[in-house]
Amino acid sequence: MERCRVVPVACVARCRTTTDVQAAVRIAHALGLPLPVFSGGNDWLGRVVRDRGLVIDVSAMTTIEVEVEARTARIGGGVRSDVLAREAESHGLTPVTGTVGLVHMLGLSLGGGYGPLDGRFGLACDNLVAAELVTADGSVRTVDAEHEPNLLWALRGGGGNFGVVTAAVVRLHRIGPVSSGMVIYPWSQAASVLTRLDPLLTSAPDALSVQTIITSGRDGGRHRNPRRSTRPGEQVGGGQVTVSHAASSGRFRAVEESGSAV
């Protein structure tokens, strides 16, 4: 079993409104407490909690308002990516999300947010249109292209260092079917796969998004049986190269047969 670090926090403020967040920020400031923000707990650096900190939990702020004509959605700070995707899909629209549906949308967007549609529509942060945030003094600020555009620019990928984002407007898109898939290659084929993948990505249209991940195998990096044959799609011991793709254009639908494409 993996070891987990237990972090003793001072308290958790479970906020349901922007007013709740304002109160929590002012209390933390008055008491001199660190102030991390929790929406889904997916931050890989563990910044959603701090020793002796006052954790602002916005996971209950889950409102979604889709504007079909404008192709945007106003979302609360606790909205998950998969929930937004389903709501947008009911209107024939699609948000730019990450690769895991359980990740919360605003945490993803504030950190960048790469996913299956980034080749065509940019990162999740590029699709952040406006934001409502509570700054360190407890005041509420609304930012967009016309109001404090520099702060909006900073929020797009700058993380939560500029305030607690309680709501945001994100851009939605109208697209057709998306083909996606994943192929896992053994480490012995890494040089060949990466060499042949480079010209494919250079010449591919924006509608094709490809993510390449190099990881250790399930045994932590050692081959249990070096003589055992491997094939694409089979997870084995030792290192491995994972090539995943999403094609949002029929022109590149054939990449689904990516075992022979790279």
C-alpha atoms as a PDB file:
ATOM      1  CA  MET A   1       0.000   0.000   0.000  1.00  0.00           C
ATOM      2  CA  GLU A   2       1.270   3.467  -0.837  1.00  0.00           C
ATOM      3  CA  ARG A   3       1.977   5.750   2.087  1.00  0.00           C
ATOM      4  CA  CYS A   4      -0.070   8.905   2.423  1.00  0.00           C
ATOM      5  CA  ARG A   5       1.050  11.983   4.306  1.00  0.00           C
ATOM      6  CA  VAL A   6      -1.476  13.130   6.908  1.00  0.00           C
ATOM      7  CA  VAL A   7      -1.722  16.926   6.950  1.00  0.00           C
ATOM      8  CA  PRO A   8      -3.233  18.483  10.084  1.00  0.00           C
ATOM      9  CA  VAL A   9      -5.346  21.456   8.995  1.00  0.00           C
ATOM     10  CA  ALA A  10      -6.789  24.093  11.289  1.00  0.00           C
ATOM     11  CA  CYS A  11     -10.283  23.836   9.831  1.00  0.00           C
ATOM     12  CA  VAL A  12     -12.251  23.369   6.617  1.00  0.00           C
ATOM     13  CA  ALA A  13     -14.706  26.015   5.426  1.00  0.00           C
ATOM     14  CA  ARG A  14     -17.336  24.294   3.273  1.00  0.00           C
ATOM     15  CA  CYS A  15     -18.511  27.194   1.153  1.00  0.00           C
ATOM     16  CA  ARG A  16     -21.725  27.283  -0.863  1.00  0.00           C
ATOM     17  CA  THR A  17     -21.712  30.927  -1.915  1.00  0.00           C
ATOM     18  CA  THR A  18     -19.243  33.642  -2.808  1.00  0.00           C
ATOM     19  CA  THR A  19     -20.175  35.367   0.464  1.00  0.00           C
ATOM     20  CA  ASP A  20     -19.059  32.251   2.357  1.00  0.00           C
ATOM     21  CA  VAL A  21     -15.706  32.390   0.571  1.00  0.00           C
ATOM     22  CA  GLN A  22     -15.293  36.078   1.435  1.00  0.00           C
ATOM     23  CA  ALA A  23     -15.878  35.323   5.120  1.00  0.00           C
ATOM     24  CA  ALA A  24     -13.372  32.453   5.085  1.00  0.00           C
ATOM     25  CA  VAL A  25     -10.695  34.579   3.411  1.00  0.00           C
ATOM     26  CA  ARG A  26     -11.125  37.362   5.956  1.00  0.00           C
ATOM     27  CA  ILE A  27     -10.972  34.940   8.892  1.00  0.00           C
ATOM     28  CA  ALA A  28      -7.793  33.324   7.537  1.00  0.00           C
ATOM     29  CA  HIS A  29      -6.254  36.769   7.061  1.00  0.00           C
ATOM     30  CA  ALA A  30      -7.197  37.886  10.574  1.00  0.00           C
ATOM     31  CA  LEU A  31      -5.729  34.725  12.146  1.00  0.00           C
ATOM     32  CA  GLY A  32      -2.664  34.594   9.887  1.00  0.00           C
ATOM     33  CA  LEU A  33      -3.502  31.116   8.577  1.00  0.00           C
ATOM     34  CA  PRO A  34      -2.348  29.603   5.283  1.00  0.00           C
ATOM     35  CA  LEU A  35      -5.257  29.492   2.833  1.00  0.00           C
ATOM     36  CA  PRO A  36      -5.362  26.561   0.365  1.00  0.00           C
ATOM     37  CA  VAL A  37      -8.407  25.997  -1.866  1.00  0.00           C
ATOM     38  CA  PHE A  38     -10.047  22.601  -2.390  1.00  0.00           C
ATOM     39  CA  SER A  39     -12.362  21.899  -5.297  1.00  0.00           C
ATOM     40  CA  GLY A  40     -11.677  18.249  -6.119  1.00  0.00           C
ATOM     41  CA  GLY A  41      -8.348  17.384  -4.552  1.00  0.00           C
ATOM     42  CA  ASN A  42      -6.673  16.432  -7.837  1.00  0.00           C
ATOM     43  CA  ASP A  43      -3.611  18.657  -7.570  1.00  0.00           C
ATOM     44  CA  TRP A  44      -0.621  16.338  -7.976  1.00  0.00           C
ATOM     45  CA  LEU A  45       1.550  18.562  -5.757  1.00  0.00           C
ATOM     46  CA  GLY A  46      -0.894  18.312  -2.869  1.00  0.00           C
ATOM     47  CA  ARG A  47      -1.465  22.047  -2.622  1.00  0.00           C
ATOM     48  CA  VAL A  48      -5.138  21.650  -1.724  1.00  0.00           C
ATOM     49  CA  VAL A  49      -4.154  21.303   1.927  1.00  0.00           C
ATOM     50  CA  ARG A  50      -1.601  23.125   4.092  1.00  0.00           C
ATOM     51  CA  ASP A  51      -0.281  22.399   7.565  1.00  0.00           C
ATOM     52  CA  ARG A  52      -2.430  24.291  10.096  1.00  0.00           C
ATOM     53  CA  GLY A  53      -4.227  25.977   7.221  1.00  0.00           C
ATOM     54  CA  LEU A  54      -7.810  27.057   6.704  1.00  0.00           C
ATOM     55  CA  VAL A  55      -9.005  25.023   3.723  1.00  0.00           C
ATOM     56  CA  ILE A  56     -11.645  26.674   1.556  1.00  0.00           C
ATOM     57  CA  ASP A  57     -13.766  23.869   0.106  1.00  0.00           C
ATOM     58  CA  VAL A  58     -15.742  25.021  -2.954  1.00  0.00           C
ATOM     59  CA  SER A  59     -16.763  21.526  -4.094  1.00  0.00           C
ATOM     60  CA  ALA A  60     -20.433  22.256  -3.273  1.00  0.00           C
ATOM     61  CA  MET A  61     -20.540  25.198  -5.706  1.00  0.00           C
ATOM     62  CA  THR A  62     -21.760  23.150  -8.660  1.00  0.00           C
ATOM     63  CA  THR A  63     -24.121  25.378 -10.652  1.00  0.00           C
ATOM     64  CA  ILE A  64     -23.985  25.217 -14.464  1.00  0.00           C
ATOM     65  CA  GLU A  65     -25.730  27.692 -16.773  1.00  0.00           C
ATOM     66  CA  VAL A  66     -25.295  27.016 -20.489  1.00  0.00           C
ATOM     67  CA  GLU A  67     -25.785  29.865 -22.968  1.00  0.00           C
ATOM     68  CA  VAL A  68     -26.411  28.010 -26.211  1.00  0.00           C
ATOM     69  CA  GLU A  69     -26.335  31.030 -28.526  1.00  0.00           C
ATOM     70  CA  ALA A  70     -23.129  32.397 -27.011  1.00  0.00           C
ATOM     71  CA  ARG A  71     -21.642  28.889 -26.759  1.00  0.00           C
ATOM     72  CA  THR A  72     -20.497  29.453 -23.204  1.00  0.00           C
ATOM     73  CA  ALA A  73     -21.219  28.036 -19.771  1.00  0.00           C
ATOM     74  CA  ARG A  74     -21.079  29.770 -16.412  1.00  0.00           C
ATOM     75  CA  ILE A  75     -19.895  27.240 -13.856  1.00  0.00           C
ATOM     76  CA  GLY A  76     -19.346  27.186 -10.113  1.00  0.00           C
ATOM     77  CA  GLY A  77     -15.964  26.503  -8.560  1.00  0.00           C
ATOM     78  CA  GLY A  78     -16.812  22.886  -7.750  1.00  0.00           C
ATOM     79  CA  VAL A  79     -18.055  21.653 -11.145  1.00  0.00           C
ATOM     80  CA  ARG A  80     -16.438  18.432 -12.379  1.00  0.00           C
ATOM     81  CA  SER A  81     -15.290  18.111 -15.977  1.00  0.00           C
ATOM     82  CA  ASP A  82     -17.491  15.116 -16.763  1.00  0.00           C
ATOM     83  CA  VAL A  83     -20.584  16.791 -15.312  1.00  0.00           C
ATOM     84  CA  LEU A  84     -20.018  19.884 -17.440  1.00  0.00           C
ATOM     85  CA  ALA A  85     -19.393  17.722 -20.512  1.00  0.00           C
ATOM     86  CA  ARG A  86     -22.695  15.904 -20.063  1.00  0.00           C
ATOM     87  CA  GLU A  87     -24.634  19.131 -19.539  1.00  0.00           C
ATOM     88  CA  ALA A  88     -23.027  20.778 -22.563  1.00  0.00           C
ATOM     89  CA  GLU A  89     -23.619  17.664 -24.669  1.00  0.00           C
ATOM     90  CA  SER A  90     -27.349  17.905 -23.991  1.00  0.00           C
ATOM     91  CA  HIS A  91     -27.204  21.206 -25.917  1.00  0.00           C
ATOM     92  CA  GLY A  92     -25.017  19.823 -28.728  1.00  0.00           C
ATOM     93  CA  LEU A  93     -21.898  21.525 -27.340  1.00  0.00           C
ATOM     94  CA  THR A  94     -18.563  20.417 -25.901  1.00  0.00           C
ATOM     95  CA  PRO A  95     -16.168  22.011 -23.384  1.00  0.00           C
ATOM     96  CA  VAL A  96     -12.388  21.709 -23.581  1.00  0.00           C
ATOM     97  CA  THR A  97     -11.556  19.420 -20.672  1.00  0.00           C
ATOM     98  CA  GLY A  98      -8.636  17.345 -19.499  1.00  0.00           C
ATOM     99  CA  THR A  99      -8.149  13.609 -19.886  1.00  0.00           C
ATOM    100  CA  VAL A 100      -9.887  12.535 -16.641  1.00  0.00           C
ATOM    101  CA  GLY A 101     -13.551  13.349 -16.061  1.00  0.00           C
ATOM    102  CA  LEU A 102     -13.310  13.384 -12.261  1.00  0.00           C
ATOM    103  CA  VAL A 103     -10.987  16.391 -12.325  1.00  0.00           C
ATOM    104  CA  HIS A 104     -12.745  19.630 -11.449  1.00  0.00           C
ATOM    105  CA  MET A 105     -13.030  22.116 -14.254  1.00  0.00           C
ATOM    106  CA  LEU A 106     -11.718  25.305 -12.685  1.00  0.00           C
ATOM    107  CA  GLY A 107      -8.721  23.727 -10.992  1.00  0.00           C
ATOM    108  CA  LEU A 108      -7.854  22.243 -14.370  1.00  0.00           C
ATOM    109  CA  SER A 109      -8.320  25.521 -16.234  1.00  0.00           C
ATOM    110  CA  LEU A 110      -6.306  27.596 -13.778  1.00  0.00           C
ATOM    111  CA  GLY A 111      -3.401  25.167 -14.136  1.00  0.00           C
ATOM    112  CA  GLY A 112      -3.405  24.956 -17.935  1.00  0.00           C
ATOM    113  CA  GLY A 113      -5.445  21.881 -18.782  1.00  0.00           C
ATOM    114  CA  TYR A 114      -4.358  19.716 -21.691  1.00  0.00           C
ATOM    115  CA  GLY A 115      -6.755  17.160 -23.127  1.00  0.00           C
ATOM    116  CA  PRO A 116      -8.143  15.493 -26.250  1.00  0.00           C
ATOM    117  CA  LEU A 117      -9.240  18.718 -27.968  1.00  0.00           C
ATOM    118  CA  ASP A 118      -6.259  20.968 -27.262  1.00  0.00           C
ATOM    119  CA  GLY A 119      -4.847  20.666 -30.771  1.00  0.00           C
ATOM    120  CA  ARG A 120      -8.000  22.185 -32.205  1.00  0.00           C
ATOM    121  CA  PHE A 121      -9.224  24.551 -29.482  1.00  0.00           C
ATOM    122  CA  GLY A 122      -6.220  25.140 -27.240  1.00  0.00           C
ATOM    123  CA  LEU A 123      -5.827  24.279 -23.567  1.00  0.00           C
ATOM    124  CA  ALA A 124      -8.653  24.538 -21.052  1.00  0.00           C
ATOM    125  CA  CYS A 125      -7.150  27.823 -19.817  1.00  0.00           C
ATOM    126  CA  ASP A 126      -7.380  29.249 -23.346  1.00  0.00           C
ATOM    127  CA  ASN A 127     -11.135  28.719 -23.147  1.00  0.00           C
ATOM    128  CA  LEU A 128     -11.555  30.615 -19.879  1.00  0.00           C
ATOM    129  CA  VAL A 129     -13.644  33.643 -20.896  1.00  0.00           C
ATOM    130  CA  ALA A 130     -14.333  35.313 -17.536  1.00  0.00           C
ATOM    131  CA  ALA A 131     -13.981  34.663 -13.827  1.00  0.00           C
ATOM    132  CA  GLU A 132     -15.383  35.777 -10.511  1.00  0.00           C
ATOM    133  CA  LEU A 133     -12.821  35.622  -7.719  1.00  0.00           C
ATOM    134  CA  VAL A 134     -12.323  36.627  -4.117  1.00  0.00           C
ATOM    135  CA  THR A 135      -8.960  38.315  -3.612  1.00  0.00           C
ATOM    136  CA  ALA A 136      -6.776  38.366  -0.495  1.00  0.00           C
ATOM    137  CA  ASP A 137      -8.580  41.352   1.019  1.00  0.00           C
ATOM    138  CA  GLY A 138     -11.936  39.551   0.791  1.00  0.00           C
ATOM    139  CA  SER A 139     -13.307  41.641  -2.068  1.00  0.00           C
ATOM    140  CA  VAL A 140     -15.044  40.195  -5.125  1.00  0.00           C
ATOM    141  CA  ARG A 141     -13.697  40.966  -8.584  1.00  0.00           C
ATOM    142  CA  THR A 142     -15.102  40.010 -11.974  1.00  0.00           C
ATOM    143  CA  VAL A 143     -12.578  39.806 -14.791  1.00  0.00           C
ATOM    144  CA  ASP A 144     -12.946  39.338 -18.541  1.00  0.00           C
ATOM    145  CA  ALA A 145     -11.488  40.735 -21.750  1.00  0.00           C
ATOM    146  CA  GLU A 146     -12.777  44.233 -20.937  1.00  0.00           C
ATOM    147  CA  HIS A 147     -12.493  44.298 -17.138  1.00  0.00           C
ATOM    148  CA  GLU A 148      -9.024  43.752 -15.689  1.00  0.00           C
ATOM    149  CA  PRO A 149      -7.810  41.730 -18.692  1.00  0.00           C
ATOM    150  CA  ASN A 150      -4.329  41.382 -17.197  1.00  0.00           C
ATOM    151  CA  LEU A 151      -5.760  39.510 -14.221  1.00  0.00           C
ATOM    152  CA  LEU A 152      -7.720  37.234 -16.555  1.00  0.00           C
ATOM    153  CA  TRP A 153      -4.488  36.583 -18.464  1.00  0.00           C
ATOM    154  CA  ALA A 154      -2.751  35.655 -15.198  1.00  0.00           C
ATOM    155  CA  LEU A 155      -5.540  33.277 -14.190  1.00  0.00           C
ATOM    156  CA  ARG A 156      -5.180  31.382 -17.457  1.00  0.00           C
ATOM    157  CA  GLY A 157      -2.587  28.861 -16.325  1.00  0.00           C
ATOM    158  CA  GLY A 158      -1.240  30.853 -13.376  1.00  0.00           C
ATOM    159  CA  GLY A 159      -2.950  28.682 -10.787  1.00  0.00           C
ATOM    160  CA  GLY A 160      -4.834  29.894  -7.729  1.00  0.00           C
ATOM    161  CA  ASN A 161      -2.273  32.456  -6.598  1.00  0.00           C
ATOM    162  CA  PHE A 162      -4.420  35.463  -7.489  1.00  0.00           C
ATOM    163  CA  GLY A 163      -7.560  34.683  -5.534  1.00  0.00           C
ATOM    164  CA  VAL A 164     -10.259  32.085  -4.945  1.00  0.00           C
ATOM    165  CA  VAL A 165     -12.202  31.587  -8.189  1.00  0.00           C
ATOM    166  CA  THR A 166     -15.815  31.003  -7.196  1.00  0.00           C
ATOM    167  CA  ALA A 167     -17.318  30.976 -10.711  1.00  0.00           C
ATOM    168  CA  ALA A 168     -16.186  31.290 -14.312  1.00  0.00           C
ATOM    169  CA  VAL A 169     -17.418  31.448 -17.868  1.00  0.00           C
ATOM    170  CA  VAL A 170     -15.870  28.886 -20.212  1.00  0.00           C
ATOM    171  CA  ARG A 171     -16.162  28.626 -23.972  1.00  0.00           C
ATOM    172  CA  LEU A 172     -18.046  25.695 -25.523  1.00  0.00           C
ATOM    173  CA  HIS A 173     -17.685  24.267 -29.024  1.00  0.00           C
ATOM    174  CA  ARG A 174     -19.864  22.501 -31.537  1.00  0.00           C
ATOM    175  CA  ILE A 175     -18.068  19.489 -32.977  1.00  0.00           C
ATOM    176  CA  GLY A 176     -18.952  16.163 -34.551  1.00  0.00           C
ATOM    177  CA  PRO A 177     -17.954  12.661 -33.426  1.00  0.00           C
ATOM    178  CA  VAL A 178     -14.515  12.215 -31.890  1.00  0.00           C
ATOM    179  CA  SER A 179     -12.473   9.057 -32.406  1.00  0.00           C
ATOM    180  CA  SER A 180      -9.986   8.228 -29.669  1.00  0.00           C
ATOM    181  CA  GLY A 181      -7.763   5.407 -28.597  1.00  0.00           C
ATOM    182  CA  MET A 182      -4.601   4.373 -26.767  1.00  0.00           C
ATOM    183  CA  VAL A 183      -1.725   2.077 -27.650  1.00  0.00           C
ATOM    184  CA  ILE A 184       0.873   0.864 -25.143  1.00  0.00           C
ATOM    185  CA  TYR A 185       4.304  -0.120 -26.455  1.00  0.00           C
ATOM    186  CA  PRO A 186       7.062  -1.917 -24.503  1.00  0.00           C
ATOM    187  CA  TRP A 187      10.181   0.084 -23.702  1.00  0.00           C
ATOM    188  CA  SER A 188      12.177  -1.935 -26.246  1.00  0.00           C
ATOM    189  CA  GLN A 189      10.204  -0.162 -29.005  1.00  0.00           C
ATOM    190  CA  ALA A 190      10.467   3.336 -27.523  1.00  0.00           C
ATOM    191  CA  ALA A 191      13.089   4.675 -29.944  1.00  0.00           C
ATOM    192  CA  SER A 192      11.195   3.421 -32.991  1.00  0.00           C
ATOM    193  CA  VAL A 193       7.813   4.691 -31.770  1.00  0.00           C
ATOM    194  CA  LEU A 194       9.047   8.180 -30.876  1.00  0.00           C
ATOM    195  CA  THR A 195      11.093   8.521 -34.057  1.00  0.00           C
ATOM    196  CA  ARG A 196       8.165   7.610 -36.299  1.00  0.00           C
ATOM    197  CA  LEU A 197       5.687   9.654 -34.276  1.00  0.00           C
ATOM    198  CA  ASP A 198       7.544  12.935 -34.842  1.00  0.00           C
ATOM    199  CA  PRO A 199       6.828  13.320 -38.592  1.00  0.00           C
ATOM    200  CA  LEU A 200       3.215  12.248 -38.019  1.00  0.00           C
ATOM    201  CA  LEU A 201       2.669  15.052 -35.511  1.00  0.00           C
ATOM    202  CA  THR A 202       4.473  17.586 -37.690  1.00  0.00           C
ATOM    203  CA  SER A 203       2.191  16.965 -40.659  1.00  0.00           C
ATOM    204  CA  ALA A 204      -1.052  16.212 -38.789  1.00  0.00           C
ATOM    205  CA  PRO A 205      -3.995  18.655 -38.817  1.00  0.00           C
ATOM    206  CA  ASP A 206      -5.018  20.482 -35.647  1.00  0.00           C
ATOM    207  CA  ALA A 207      -7.973  18.118 -35.325  1.00  0.00           C
ATOM    208  CA  LEU A 208      -5.572  15.390 -34.171  1.00  0.00           C
ATOM    209  CA  SER A 209      -4.387  15.617 -30.569  1.00  0.00           C
ATOM    210  CA  VAL A 210      -1.751  13.136 -29.417  1.00  0.00           C
ATOM    211  CA  GLN A 211      -0.366  12.650 -25.917  1.00  0.00           C
ATOM    212  CA  THR A 212       2.701  10.528 -25.313  1.00  0.00           C
ATOM    213  CA  ILE A 213       3.510   9.274 -21.821  1.00  0.00           C
ATOM    214  CA  ILE A 214       6.574   7.353 -20.669  1.00  0.00           C
ATOM    215  CA  THR A 215       5.982   5.336 -17.499  1.00  0.00           C
ATOM    216  CA  SER A 216       7.344   2.376 -15.584  1.00  0.00           C
ATOM    217  CA  GLY A 217       5.556  -0.943 -15.776  1.00  0.00           C
ATOM    218  CA  ARG A 218       3.355  -2.487 -13.118  1.00  0.00           C
ATOM    219  CA  ASP A 219       6.354  -4.171 -11.448  1.00  0.00           C
ATOM    220  CA  GLY A 220       8.085  -0.825 -10.906  1.00  0.00           C
ATOM    221  CA  GLY A 221      10.534  -1.046 -13.794  1.00  0.00           C
ATOM    222  CA  ARG A 222      11.896  -4.575 -13.968  1.00  0.00           C
ATOM    223  CA  HIS A 223      10.818  -7.170 -16.529  1.00  0.00           C
ATOM    224  CA  ARG A 224       9.558 -10.304 -14.837  1.00  0.00           C
ATOM    225  CA  ASN A 225      10.076 -12.341 -18.001  1.00  0.00           C
ATOM    226  CA  PRO A 226      12.311 -10.647 -20.614  1.00  0.00           C
ATOM    227  CA  ARG A 227      11.662 -13.441 -23.138  1.00  0.00           C
ATOM    228  CA  ARG A 228       7.904 -12.995 -23.079  1.00  0.00           C
ATOM    229  CA  SER A 229       6.632 -11.456 -26.321  1.00  0.00           C
ATOM    230  CA  THR A 230       4.734  -8.170 -26.179  1.00  0.00           C
ATOM    231  CA  ARG A 231       2.305  -6.454 -28.480  1.00  0.00           C
ATOM    232  CA  PRO A 232       0.596  -3.041 -28.643  1.00  0.00           C
ATOM    233  CA  GLY A 233      -2.207  -2.751 -26.121  1.00  0.00           C
ATOM    234  CA  GLU A 234      -0.653  -5.175 -23.631  1.00  0.00           C
ATOM    235  CA  GLN A 235       0.629  -3.795 -20.322  1.00  0.00           C
ATOM    236  CA  VAL A 236       3.862  -5.481 -19.277  1.00  0.00           C
ATOM    237  CA  GLY A 237       6.603  -5.071 -16.690  1.00  0.00           C
ATOM    238  CA  GLY A 238       9.399  -2.564 -17.249  1.00  0.00           C
ATOM    239  CA  GLY A 239       9.133   0.827 -18.907  1.00  0.00           C
ATOM    240  CA  GLN A 240       6.484   1.544 -21.503  1.00  0.00           C
ATOM    241  CA  VAL A 241       5.411   4.225 -23.943  1.00  0.00           C
ATOM    242  CA  THR A 242       1.713   5.128 -24.073  1.00  0.00           C
ATOM    243  CA  VAL A 243       0.443   6.932 -27.171  1.00  0.00           C
ATOM    244  CA  SER A 244      -3.132   8.212 -26.867  1.00  0.00           C
ATOM    245  CA  HIS A 245      -4.976  10.219 -29.484  1.00  0.00           C
ATOM    246  CA  ALA A 246      -8.237  11.982 -30.209  1.00  0.00           C
ATOM    247  CA  ALA A 247      -9.315  12.886 -33.748  1.00  0.00           C
ATOM    248  CA  SER A 248     -12.178  15.393 -33.979  1.00  0.00           C
ATOM    249  CA  SER A 249     -12.308  15.275 -37.774  1.00  0.00           C
ATOM    250  CA  GLY A 250     -13.415  12.455 -40.056  1.00  0.00           C
ATOM    251  CA  ARG A 251     -10.363  13.120 -42.204  1.00  0.00           C
ATOM    252  CA  PHE A 252      -8.108  11.654 -39.524  1.00  0.00           C
ATOM    253  CA  ARG A 253     -10.463   8.970 -38.231  1.00  0.00           C
ATOM    254  CA  ALA A 254      -8.062   6.308 -39.542  1.00  0.00           C
ATOM    255  CA  VAL A 255      -5.578   7.133 -36.795  1.00  0.00           C
ATOM    256  CA  GLU A 256      -7.721   4.889 -34.633  1.00  0.00           C
ATOM    257  CA  GLU A 257      -5.639   2.137 -36.219  1.00  0.00           C
ATOM    258  CA  SER A 258      -2.617   3.739 -34.573  1.00  0.00           C
ATOM    259  CA  GLY A 259      -0.922   0.404 -33.952  1.00  0.00           C
ATOM    260  CA  SER A 260       0.217   0.571 -37.583  1.00  0.00           C
ATOM    261  CA  ALA A 261       0.382   4.370 -37.811  1.00  0.00           C
ATOM    262  CA  VAL A 262       3.518   4.671 -35.660  1.00  0.00           C
END
